[in-house]
PDB file of N, CA and C in Angstrom:
ATOM      1  N   MET A   1     109.851  91.472 111.510  1.00  0.00           N
ATOM      2  CA  MET A   1     110.427  90.993 110.278  1.00  0.00           C
ATOM      3  C   MET A   1     110.250  89.492 110.172  1.00  0.00           C
ATOM      4  N   LEU A   2     110.301  88.810 111.316  1.00  0.00           N
ATOM      5  CA  LEU A   2     110.118  87.355 111.298  1.00  0.00           C
ATOM      6  C   LEU A   2     108.733  86.982 110.788  1.00  0.00           C
ATOM      7  N   LEU A   3     107.704  87.694 111.235  1.00  0.00           N
ATOM      8  CA  LEU A   3     106.354  87.405 110.766  1.00  0.00           C
ATOM      9  C   LEU A   3     106.229  87.680 109.274  1.00  0.00           C
ATOM     10  N   GLY A   4     106.854  88.716 108.789  1.00  0.00           N
ATOM     11  CA  GLY A   4     106.848  89.004 107.352  1.00  0.00           C
ATOM     12  C   GLY A   4     107.509  87.896 106.553  1.00  0.00           C
ATOM     13  N   SER A   5     108.593  87.337 107.084  1.00  0.00           N
ATOM     14  CA  SER A   5     109.251  86.218 106.407  1.00  0.00           C
ATOM     15  C   SER A   5     108.356  84.992 106.367  1.00  0.00           C
ATOM     16  N   VAL A   6     107.678  84.736 107.478  1.00  0.00           N
ATOM     17  CA  VAL A   6     106.744  83.607 107.527  1.00  0.00           C
ATOM     18  C   VAL A   6     105.616  83.821 106.527  1.00  0.00           C
ATOM     19  N   LEU A   7     105.099  85.042 106.458  1.00  0.00           N
ATOM     20  CA  LEU A   7     104.042  85.340 105.500  1.00  0.00           C
ATOM     21  C   LEU A   7     104.502  85.116 104.066  1.00  0.00           C
ATOM     22  N   ALA A   8     105.722  85.517 103.763  1.00  0.00           N
ATOM     23  CA  ALA A   8     106.250  85.324 102.410  1.00  0.00           C
ATOM     24  C   ALA A   8     106.354  83.840 102.065  1.00  0.00           C
ATOM     25  N   VAL A   9     106.857  83.048 102.995  1.00  0.00           N
ATOM     26  CA  VAL A   9     106.968  81.605 102.743  1.00  0.00           C
ATOM     27  C   VAL A   9     105.584  80.979 102.594  1.00  0.00           C
ATOM     28  N   LEU A  10     104.663  81.354 103.460  1.00  0.00           N
ATOM     29  CA  LEU A  10     103.300  80.822 103.367  1.00  0.00           C
ATOM     30  C   LEU A  10     102.652  81.195 102.040  1.00  0.00           C
ATOM     31  N   GLN A  11     102.887  82.405 101.576  1.00  0.00           N
ATOM     32  CA  GLN A  11     102.318  82.834 100.300  1.00  0.00           C
ATOM     33  C   GLN A  11     102.901  82.029  99.149  1.00  0.00           C
ATOM     34  N   LEU A  12     104.177  81.696  99.245  1.00  0.00           N
ATOM     35  CA  LEU A  12     104.802  80.924  98.171  1.00  0.00           C
ATOM     36  C   LEU A  12     104.319  79.483  98.119  1.00  0.00           C
ATOM     37  N   ILE A  13     104.016  78.900  99.282  1.00  0.00           N
ATOM     38  CA  ILE A  13     103.614  77.492  99.285  1.00  0.00           C
ATOM     39  C   ILE A  13     102.101  77.295  99.385  1.00  0.00           C
ATOM     40  N   ALA A  14     101.353  78.406  99.532  1.00  0.00           N
ATOM     41  CA  ALA A  14      99.906  78.291  99.710  1.00  0.00           C
ATOM     42  C   ALA A  14      99.225  77.861  98.418  1.00  0.00           C
ATOM     43  N   LYS A  15      98.205  77.061  98.558  1.00  0.00           N
ATOM     44  CA  LYS A  15      97.418  76.638  97.403  1.00  0.00           C
ATOM     45  C   LYS A  15      96.429  77.719  96.990  1.00  0.00           C
ATOM     46  N   ARG A  16      96.025  78.546  97.934  1.00  0.00           N
ATOM     47  CA  ARG A  16      95.093  79.619  97.616  1.00  0.00           C
ATOM     48  C   ARG A  16      95.877  80.915  97.411  1.00  0.00           C
ATOM     49  N   PRO A  17      95.304  81.882  96.712  1.00  0.00           N
ATOM     50  CA  PRO A  17      96.077  83.076  96.358  1.00  0.00           C
ATOM     51  C   PRO A  17      96.308  84.080  97.477  1.00  0.00           C
ATOM     52  N   ALA A  18      95.478  84.074  98.527  1.00  0.00           N
ATOM     53  CA  ALA A  18      95.623  85.117  99.544  1.00  0.00           C
ATOM     54  C   ALA A  18      95.734  84.514 100.939  1.00  0.00           C
ATOM     55  N   LEU A  19      96.513  85.169 101.767  1.00  0.00           N
ATOM     56  CA  LEU A  19      96.644  84.779 103.170  1.00  0.00           C
ATOM     57  C   LEU A  19      95.482  85.361 103.963  1.00  0.00           C
ATOM     58  N   PRO A  20      95.233  84.842 105.156  1.00  0.00           N
ATOM     59  CA  PRO A  20      94.158  85.404 105.974  1.00  0.00           C
ATOM     60  C   PRO A  20      94.420  86.881 106.282  1.00  0.00           C
ATOM     61  N   PRO A  21      93.404  87.714 106.134  1.00  0.00           N
ATOM     62  CA  PRO A  21      93.608  89.151 106.364  1.00  0.00           C
ATOM     63  C   PRO A  21      94.065  89.482 107.784  1.00  0.00           C
ATOM     64  N   TRP A  22      93.647  88.713 108.773  1.00  0.00           N
ATOM     65  CA  TRP A  22      94.053  89.014 110.154  1.00  0.00           C
ATOM     66  C   TRP A  22      95.550  88.823 110.342  1.00  0.00           C
ATOM     67  N   LEU A  23      96.137  87.893 109.593  1.00  0.00           N
ATOM     68  CA  LEU A  23      97.572  87.647 109.716  1.00  0.00           C
ATOM     69  C   LEU A  23      98.376  88.810 109.128  1.00  0.00           C
ATOM     70  N   THR A  24      97.938  89.283 107.979  1.00  0.00           N
ATOM     71  CA  THR A  24      98.629  90.425 107.382  1.00  0.00           C
ATOM     72  C   THR A  24      98.401  91.694 108.210  1.00  0.00           C
ATOM     73  N   ALA A  25      97.208  91.833 108.809  1.00  0.00           N
ATOM     74  CA  ALA A  25      96.943  92.979 109.678  1.00  0.00           C
ATOM     75  C   ALA A  25      97.840  92.932 110.917  1.00  0.00           C
ATOM     76  N   LEU A  26      98.032  91.745 111.477  1.00  0.00           N
ATOM     77  CA  LEU A  26      98.924  91.600 112.628  1.00  0.00           C
ATOM     78  C   LEU A  26     100.343  92.011 112.257  1.00  0.00           C
ATOM     79  N   HIS A  27     100.789  91.618 111.089  1.00  0.00           N
ATOM     80  CA  HIS A  27     102.111  91.994 110.599  1.00  0.00           C
ATOM     81  C   HIS A  27     102.231  93.523 110.532  1.00  0.00           C
ATOM     82  N   GLY A  28     101.217  94.170 109.984  1.00  0.00           N
ATOM     83  CA  GLY A  28     101.238  95.622 109.872  1.00  0.00           C
ATOM     84  C   GLY A  28     101.213  96.312 111.227  1.00  0.00           C
ATOM     85  N   LEU A  29     100.388  95.800 112.146  1.00  0.00           N
ATOM     86  CA  LEU A  29     100.302  96.405 113.476  1.00  0.00           C
ATOM     87  C   LEU A  29     101.609  96.252 114.251  1.00  0.00           C
ATOM     88  N   LEU A  30     102.225  95.078 114.158  1.00  0.00           N
ATOM     89  CA  LEU A  30     103.515  94.891 114.823  1.00  0.00           C
ATOM     90  C   LEU A  30     104.586  95.802 114.225  1.00  0.00           C
ATOM     91  N   ALA A  31     104.538  95.990 112.918  1.00  0.00           N
ATOM     92  CA  ALA A  31     105.512  96.861 112.256  1.00  0.00           C
ATOM     93  C   ALA A  31     105.336  98.310 112.691  1.00  0.00           C
ATOM     94  N   VAL A  32     104.093  98.769 112.753  1.00  0.00           N
ATOM     95  CA  VAL A  32     103.840 100.144 113.188  1.00  0.00           C
ATOM     96  C   VAL A  32     104.285 100.321 114.646  1.00  0.00           C
ATOM     97  N   GLY A  33     104.006  99.332 115.478  1.00  0.00           N
ATOM     98  CA  GLY A  33     104.466  99.392 116.866  1.00  0.00           C
ATOM     99  C   GLY A  33     105.978  99.458 116.968  1.00  0.00           C
ATOM    100  N   GLY A  34     106.670  98.649 116.182  1.00  0.00           N
ATOM    101  CA  GLY A  34     108.130  98.675 116.168  1.00  0.00           C
ATOM    102  C   GLY A  34     108.676 100.004 115.677  1.00  0.00           C
ATOM    103  N   PHE A  35     107.994 100.586 114.692  1.00  0.00           N
ATOM    104  CA  PHE A  35     108.420 101.883 114.165  1.00  0.00           C
ATOM    105  C   PHE A  35     108.275 102.969 115.231  1.00  0.00           C
ATOM    106  N   VAL A  36     107.177 102.946 115.959  1.00  0.00           N
ATOM    107  CA  VAL A  36     106.972 103.928 117.037  1.00  0.00           C
ATOM    108  C   VAL A  36     108.045 103.763 118.115  1.00  0.00           C
ATOM    109  N   VAL A  37     108.350 102.533 118.480  1.00  0.00           N
ATOM    110  CA  VAL A  37     109.396 102.290 119.480  1.00  0.00           C
ATOM    111  C   VAL A  37     110.749 102.794 118.969  1.00  0.00           C
ATOM    112  N   LEU A  38     111.028 102.576 117.694  1.00  0.00           N
ATOM    113  CA  LEU A  38     112.282 103.064 117.118  1.00  0.00           C
ATOM    114  C   LEU A  38     112.346 104.583 117.196  1.00  0.00           C
ATOM    115  N   LEU A  39     111.263 105.256 116.840  1.00  0.00           N
ATOM    116  CA  LEU A  39     111.254 106.720 116.905  1.00  0.00           C
ATOM    117  C   LEU A  39     111.447 107.218 118.334  1.00  0.00           C
ATOM    118  N   LEU A  40     110.828 106.553 119.285  1.00  0.00           N
ATOM    119  CA  LEU A  40     111.010 106.939 120.687  1.00  0.00           C
ATOM    120  C   LEU A  40     112.448 106.700 121.141  1.00  0.00           C
ATOM    121  N   ALA A  41     113.041 105.606 120.704  1.00  0.00           N
ATOM    122  CA  ALA A  41     114.420 105.297 121.093  1.00  0.00           C
ATOM    123  C   ALA A  41     115.411 106.293 120.485  1.00  0.00           C
ATOM    124  N   LEU A  42     115.091 106.815 119.318  1.00  0.00           N
ATOM    125  CA  LEU A  42     116.006 107.772 118.684  1.00  0.00           C
ATOM    126  C   LEU A  42     116.031 109.117 119.401  1.00  0.00           C
ATOM    127  N   ARG A  43     115.076 109.361 120.277  1.00  0.00           N
ATOM    128  CA  ARG A  43     115.058 110.601 121.041  1.00  0.00           C
ATOM    129  C   ARG A  43     116.067 110.573 122.185  1.00  0.00           C
ATOM    130  N   GLY A  44     116.605 109.422 122.488  1.00  0.00           N
ATOM    131  CA  GLY A  44     117.551 109.283 123.590  1.00  0.00           C
ATOM    132  C   GLY A  44     118.923 109.812 123.234  1.00  0.00           C
ATOM    133  N   PRO A  45     119.914 109.491 124.059  1.00  0.00           N
ATOM    134  CA  PRO A  45     121.281 109.980 123.800  1.00  0.00           C
ATOM    135  C   PRO A  45     121.833 109.388 122.502  1.00  0.00           C
ATOM    136  N   PRO A  46     122.686 110.135 121.827  1.00  0.00           N
ATOM    137  CA  PRO A  46     123.259 109.650 120.563  1.00  0.00           C
ATOM    138  C   PRO A  46     124.133 108.421 120.781  1.00  0.00           C
ATOM    139  N   ARG A  47     124.082 107.527 119.817  1.00  0.00           N
ATOM    140  CA  ARG A  47     124.894 106.309 119.853  1.00  0.00           C
ATOM    141  C   ARG A  47     125.783 106.277 118.616  1.00  0.00           C
ATOM    142  N   GLY A  48     126.848 105.537 118.705  1.00  0.00           N
ATOM    143  CA  GLY A  48     127.699 105.279 117.551  1.00  0.00           C
ATOM    144  C   GLY A  48     128.484 106.466 117.040  1.00  0.00           C
ATOM    145  N   VAL A  49     128.635 107.505 117.829  1.00  0.00           N
ATOM    146  CA  VAL A  49     129.364 108.688 117.376  1.00  0.00           C
ATOM    147  C   VAL A  49     130.831 108.350 117.142  1.00  0.00           C
ATOM    148  N   ALA A  50     131.415 107.595 118.047  1.00  0.00           N
ATOM    149  CA  ALA A  50     132.849 107.256 117.941  1.00  0.00           C
ATOM    150  C   ALA A  50     133.138 106.372 116.735  1.00  0.00           C
ATOM    151  N   SER A  51     132.181 105.555 116.331  1.00  0.00           N
ATOM    152  CA  SER A  51     132.428 104.638 115.214  1.00  0.00           C
ATOM    153  C   SER A  51     131.875 105.151 113.892  1.00  0.00           C
ATOM    154  N   GLY A  52     131.294 106.343 113.888  1.00  0.00           N
ATOM    155  CA  GLY A  52     130.778 106.913 112.651  1.00  0.00           C
ATOM    156  C   GLY A  52     129.406 106.385 112.260  1.00  0.00           C
ATOM    157  N   ALA A  53     128.705 105.777 113.194  1.00  0.00           N
ATOM    158  CA  ALA A  53     127.393 105.188 112.897  1.00  0.00           C
ATOM    159  C   ALA A  53     126.259 105.985 113.519  1.00  0.00           C
ATOM    160  N   SER A  54     126.488 107.241 113.838  1.00  0.00           N
ATOM    161  CA  SER A  54     125.468 108.011 114.554  1.00  0.00           C
ATOM    162  C   SER A  54     124.223 108.266 113.716  1.00  0.00           C
ATOM    163  N   ALA A  55     124.333 108.271 112.400  1.00  0.00           N
ATOM    164  CA  ALA A  55     123.169 108.511 111.539  1.00  0.00           C
ATOM    165  C   ALA A  55     122.415 107.234 111.200  1.00  0.00           C
ATOM    166  N   PHE A  56     122.931 106.088 111.624  1.00  0.00           N
ATOM    167  CA  PHE A  56     122.305 104.822 111.244  1.00  0.00           C
ATOM    168  C   PHE A  56     120.887 104.681 111.801  1.00  0.00           C
ATOM    169  N   GLY A  57     120.626 105.225 112.979  1.00  0.00           N
ATOM    170  CA  GLY A  57     119.284 105.157 113.546  1.00  0.00           C
ATOM    171  C   GLY A  57     118.283 105.903 112.681  1.00  0.00           C
ATOM    172  N   LEU A  58     118.661 107.095 112.246  1.00  0.00           N
ATOM    173  CA  LEU A  58     117.797 107.891 111.373  1.00  0.00           C
ATOM    174  C   LEU A  58     117.610 107.189 110.023  1.00  0.00           C
ATOM    175  N   ILE A  59     118.673 106.623 109.495  1.00  0.00           N
ATOM    176  CA  ILE A  59     118.577 105.894 108.223  1.00  0.00           C
ATOM    177  C   ILE A  59     117.635 104.712 108.372  1.00  0.00           C
ATOM    178  N   ALA A  60     117.738 103.992 109.474  1.00  0.00           N
ATOM    179  CA  ALA A  60     116.841 102.854 109.715  1.00  0.00           C
ATOM    180  C   ALA A  60     115.396 103.323 109.819  1.00  0.00           C
ATOM    181  N   ALA A  61     115.159 104.465 110.455  1.00  0.00           N
ATOM    182  CA  ALA A  61     113.797 104.992 110.584  1.00  0.00           C
ATOM    183  C   ALA A  61     113.228 105.383 109.219  1.00  0.00           C
ATOM    184  N   VAL A  62     114.041 106.015 108.392  1.00  0.00           N
ATOM    185  CA  VAL A  62     113.584 106.410 107.054  1.00  0.00           C
ATOM    186  C   VAL A  62     113.291 105.167 106.209  1.00  0.00           C
ATOM    187  N   LEU A  63     114.175 104.175 106.243  1.00  0.00           N
ATOM    188  CA  LEU A  63     113.934 102.943 105.494  1.00  0.00           C
ATOM    189  C   LEU A  63     112.679 102.227 105.987  1.00  0.00           C
ATOM    190  N   THR A  64     112.452 102.247 107.297  1.00  0.00           N
ATOM    191  CA  THR A  64     111.245 101.627 107.846  1.00  0.00           C
ATOM    192  C   THR A  64     110.005 102.366 107.374  1.00  0.00           C
ATOM    193  N   ALA A  65     110.055 103.684 107.353  1.00  0.00           N
ATOM    194  CA  ALA A  65     108.911 104.466 106.867  1.00  0.00           C
ATOM    195  C   ALA A  65     108.649 104.177 105.392  1.00  0.00           C
ATOM    196  N   LEU A  66     109.696 104.081 104.590  1.00  0.00           N
ATOM    197  CA  LEU A  66     109.530 103.747 103.175  1.00  0.00           C
ATOM    198  C   LEU A  66     108.976 102.336 102.994  1.00  0.00           C
ATOM    199  N   ALA A  67     109.409 101.412 103.846  1.00  0.00           N
ATOM    200  CA  ALA A  67     108.864 100.055 103.796  1.00  0.00           C
ATOM    201  C   ALA A  67     107.377 100.058 104.134  1.00  0.00           C
ATOM    202  N   ALA A  68     106.989 100.903 105.084  1.00  0.00           N
ATOM    203  CA  ALA A  68     105.571 101.011 105.437  1.00  0.00           C
ATOM    204  C   ALA A  68     104.762 101.575 104.271  1.00  0.00           C
ATOM    205  N   VAL A  69     105.308 102.553 103.575  1.00  0.00           N
ATOM    206  CA  VAL A  69     104.624 103.118 102.409  1.00  0.00           C
ATOM    207  C   VAL A  69     104.471 102.054 101.319  1.00  0.00           C
ATOM    208  N   ALA A  70     105.526 101.298 101.069  1.00  0.00           N
ATOM    209  CA  ALA A  70     105.447 100.242 100.051  1.00  0.00           C
ATOM    210  C   ALA A  70     104.462  99.154 100.471  1.00  0.00           C
ATOM    211  N   GLY A  71     104.462  98.784 101.742  1.00  0.00           N
ATOM    212  CA  GLY A  71     103.514  97.789 102.237  1.00  0.00           C
ATOM    213  C   GLY A  71     102.082  98.285 102.152  1.00  0.00           C
ATOM    214  N   GLY A  72     101.866  99.542 102.513  1.00  0.00           N
ATOM    215  CA  GLY A  72     100.536 100.132 102.395  1.00  0.00           C
ATOM    216  C   GLY A  72     100.078 100.221 100.951  1.00  0.00           C
ATOM    217  N   SER A  73     101.006 100.503 100.044  1.00  0.00           N
ATOM    218  CA  SER A  73     100.667 100.543  98.621  1.00  0.00           C
ATOM    219  C   SER A  73     100.290  99.163  98.102  1.00  0.00           C
ATOM    220  N   ALA A  74     101.011  98.149  98.559  1.00  0.00           N
ATOM    221  CA  ALA A  74     100.673  96.781  98.161  1.00  0.00           C
ATOM    222  C   ALA A  74      99.303  96.392  98.702  1.00  0.00           C
ATOM    223  N   LEU A  75      99.020  96.784  99.941  1.00  0.00           N
ATOM    224  CA  LEU A  75      97.709  96.512 100.518  1.00  0.00           C
ATOM    225  C   LEU A  75      96.609  97.230  99.746  1.00  0.00           C
ATOM    226  N   ALA A  76      96.823  98.497  99.416  1.00  0.00           N
ATOM    227  CA  ALA A  76      95.827  99.264  98.661  1.00  0.00           C
ATOM    228  C   ALA A  76      95.585  98.645  97.283  1.00  0.00           C
ATOM    229  N   ALA A  77      96.658  98.223  96.628  1.00  0.00           N
ATOM    230  CA  ALA A  77      96.505  97.585  95.318  1.00  0.00           C
ATOM    231  C   ALA A  77      95.732  96.281  95.439  1.00  0.00           C
ATOM    232  N   ARG A  78      95.996  95.533  96.485  1.00  0.00           N
ATOM    233  CA  ARG A  78      95.289  94.269  96.692  1.00  0.00           C
ATOM    234  C   ARG A  78      93.809  94.511  96.973  1.00  0.00           C
ATOM    235  N   LEU A  79      93.511  95.537  97.765  1.00  0.00           N
ATOM    236  CA  LEU A  79      92.115  95.854  98.075  1.00  0.00           C
ATOM    237  C   LEU A  79      91.353  96.366  96.851  1.00  0.00           C
ATOM    238  N   ARG A  80      92.071  96.990  95.915  1.00  0.00           N
ATOM    239  CA  ARG A  80      91.439  97.441  94.672  1.00  0.00           C
ATOM    240  C   ARG A  80      91.265  96.308  93.675  1.00  0.00           C
ATOM    241  N   GLY A  81      91.781  95.137  94.016  1.00  0.00           N
ATOM    242  CA  GLY A  81      91.614  93.983  93.135  1.00  0.00           C
ATOM    243  C   GLY A  81      92.732  93.765  92.142  1.00  0.00           C
ATOM    244  N   LYS A  82      93.788  94.514  92.259  1.00  0.00           N
ATOM    245  CA  LYS A  82      94.935  94.305  91.367  1.00  0.00           C
ATOM    246  C   LYS A  82      95.609  92.996  91.752  1.00  0.00           C
ATOM    247  N   ARG A  83      95.903  92.194  90.789  1.00  0.00           N
ATOM    248  CA  ARG A  83      96.462  90.878  91.090  1.00  0.00           C
ATOM    249  C   ARG A  83      97.979  90.918  91.222  1.00  0.00           C
ATOM    250  N   PHE A  84      98.636  91.769  90.473  1.00  0.00           N
ATOM    251  CA  PHE A  84     100.100  91.764  90.489  1.00  0.00           C
ATOM    252  C   PHE A  84     100.632  92.816  91.448  1.00  0.00           C
ATOM    253  N   THR A  85     100.950  92.398  92.646  1.00  0.00           N
ATOM    254  CA  THR A  85     101.545  93.301  93.628  1.00  0.00           C
ATOM    255  C   THR A  85     102.927  92.796  94.043  1.00  0.00           C
ATOM    256  N   GLY A  86     103.463  91.851  93.294  1.00  0.00           N
ATOM    257  CA  GLY A  86     104.745  91.242  93.648  1.00  0.00           C
ATOM    258  C   GLY A  86     105.894  92.227  93.706  1.00  0.00           C
ATOM    259  N   VAL A  87     105.916  93.189  92.798  1.00  0.00           N
ATOM    260  CA  VAL A  87     106.997  94.176  92.797  1.00  0.00           C
ATOM    261  C   VAL A  87     106.924  95.029  94.063  1.00  0.00           C
ATOM    262  N   LEU A  88     105.715  95.451  94.422  1.00  0.00           N
ATOM    263  CA  LEU A  88     105.564  96.246  95.641  1.00  0.00           C
ATOM    264  C   LEU A  88     105.971  95.454  96.877  1.00  0.00           C
ATOM    265  N   VAL A  89     105.600  94.202  96.922  1.00  0.00           N
ATOM    266  CA  VAL A  89     105.969  93.353  98.066  1.00  0.00           C
ATOM    267  C   VAL A  89     107.489  93.168  98.100  1.00  0.00           C
ATOM    268  N   GLY A  90     108.103  93.015  96.940  1.00  0.00           N
ATOM    269  CA  GLY A  90     109.561  92.880  96.879  1.00  0.00           C
ATOM    270  C   GLY A  90     110.278  94.141  97.348  1.00  0.00           C
ATOM    271  N   VAL A  91     109.774  95.303  96.923  1.00  0.00           N
ATOM    272  CA  VAL A  91     110.350  96.573  97.376  1.00  0.00           C
ATOM    273  C   VAL A  91     110.155  96.723  98.883  1.00  0.00           C
ATOM    274  N   HIS A  92     108.955  96.382  99.365  1.00  0.00           N
ATOM    275  CA  HIS A  92     108.653  96.439 100.799  1.00  0.00           C
ATOM    276  C   HIS A  92     109.633  95.569 101.590  1.00  0.00           C
ATOM    277  N   ALA A  93     109.828  94.339 101.156  1.00  0.00           N
ATOM    278  CA  ALA A  93     110.713  93.415 101.864  1.00  0.00           C
ATOM    279  C   ALA A  93     112.159  93.900 101.837  1.00  0.00           C
ATOM    280  N   THR A  94     112.603  94.394 100.690  1.00  0.00           N
ATOM    281  CA  THR A  94     113.978  94.879 100.572  1.00  0.00           C
ATOM    282  C   THR A  94     114.224  96.062 101.510  1.00  0.00           C
ATOM    283  N   LEU A  95     113.293  96.992 101.554  1.00  0.00           N
ATOM    284  CA  LEU A  95     113.443  98.148 102.438  1.00  0.00           C
ATOM    285  C   LEU A  95     113.413  97.728 103.906  1.00  0.00           C
ATOM    286  N   ALA A  96     112.509  96.817 104.240  1.00  0.00           N
ATOM    287  CA  ALA A  96     112.385  96.391 105.642  1.00  0.00           C
ATOM    288  C   ALA A  96     113.635  95.648 106.113  1.00  0.00           C
ATOM    289  N   VAL A  97     114.133  94.759 105.301  1.00  0.00           N
ATOM    290  CA  VAL A  97     115.337  94.009 105.681  1.00  0.00           C
ATOM    291  C   VAL A  97     116.530  94.961 105.775  1.00  0.00           C
ATOM    292  N   SER A  98     116.631  95.895 104.850  1.00  0.00           N
ATOM    293  CA  SER A  98     117.720  96.881 104.905  1.00  0.00           C
ATOM    294  C   SER A  98     117.639  97.700 106.187  1.00  0.00           C
ATOM    295  N   ALA A  99     116.426  98.082 106.579  1.00  0.00           N
ATOM    296  CA  ALA A  99     116.248  98.855 107.814  1.00  0.00           C
ATOM    297  C   ALA A  99     116.703  98.059 109.025  1.00  0.00           C
ATOM    298  N   VAL A 100     116.375  96.782 109.067  1.00  0.00           N
ATOM    299  CA  VAL A 100     116.761  95.955 110.212  1.00  0.00           C
ATOM    300  C   VAL A 100     118.280  95.774 110.262  1.00  0.00           C
ATOM    301  N   VAL A 101     118.905  95.602 109.123  1.00  0.00           N
ATOM    302  CA  VAL A 101     120.367  95.431 109.093  1.00  0.00           C
ATOM    303  C   VAL A 101     121.061  96.719 109.537  1.00  0.00           C
ATOM    304  N   ILE A 102     120.605  97.860 109.030  1.00  0.00           N
ATOM    305  CA  ILE A 102     121.195  99.145 109.440  1.00  0.00           C
ATOM    306  C   ILE A 102     120.954  99.391 110.927  1.00  0.00           C
ATOM    307  N   LEU A 103     119.752  99.046 111.402  1.00  0.00           N
ATOM    308  CA  LEU A 103     119.450  99.218 112.825  1.00  0.00           C
ATOM    309  C   LEU A 103     120.345  98.340 113.687  1.00  0.00           C
ATOM    310  N   ALA A 104     120.600  97.106 113.246  1.00  0.00           N
ATOM    311  CA  ALA A 104     121.488  96.208 113.997  1.00  0.00           C
ATOM    312  C   ALA A 104     122.900  96.799 114.061  1.00  0.00           C
ATOM    313  N   ALA A 105     123.376  97.347 112.946  1.00  0.00           N
ATOM    314  CA  ALA A 105     124.695  97.978 112.946  1.00  0.00           C
ATOM    315  C   ALA A 105     124.717  99.167 113.894  1.00  0.00           C
ATOM    316  N   TYR A 106     123.631  99.913 113.924  1.00  0.00           N
ATOM    317  CA  TYR A 106     123.531 101.066 114.830  1.00  0.00           C
ATOM    318  C   TYR A 106     123.548 100.640 116.286  1.00  0.00           C
ATOM    319  N   LEU A 107     122.816  99.577 116.589  1.00  0.00           N
ATOM    320  CA  LEU A 107     122.737  99.116 117.974  1.00  0.00           C
ATOM    321  C   LEU A 107     124.047  98.513 118.472  1.00  0.00           C
ATOM    322  N   PHE A 108     124.775  97.875 117.579  1.00  0.00           N
ATOM    323  CA  PHE A 108     126.010  97.218 117.996  1.00  0.00           C
ATOM    324  C   PHE A 108     127.254  98.080 117.795  1.00  0.00           C
ATOM    325  N   ALA A 109     127.082  99.306 117.290  1.00  0.00           N
ATOM    326  CA  ALA A 109     128.229 100.204 117.130  1.00  0.00           C
ATOM    327  C   ALA A 109     128.640 100.720 118.509  1.00  0.00           C
ATOM    328  N   ALA A 110     129.919 100.693 118.764  1.00  0.00           N
ATOM    329  CA  ALA A 110     130.404 101.124 120.080  1.00  0.00           C
ATOM    330  C   ALA A 110     130.700 102.594 120.113  1.00  0.00           C
TER     331      ALA A 110
END
């Protein structure tokens, strides 16, 4: 998520319209790796049952998957030459940040 935030700031202050493709690819690869780790971690013992947060891990995984779909859609639109992908990027960022917040609540639930 930190790299995505850096990319967003760089895009806002950049003089040119596009960021280097390797940087955005790195962001995507790190996100996919994090998603796989999250799925593997959810196979372990249940957490947060006593505090009512036991479904938060699954919710975070679903939000992360939706963020990946939105990010992939923004990438596909950009590769097709569509100039306006801001809405897709905004949806992607909102879903990703929501997933991280829900995941943090899940991890810190006793």
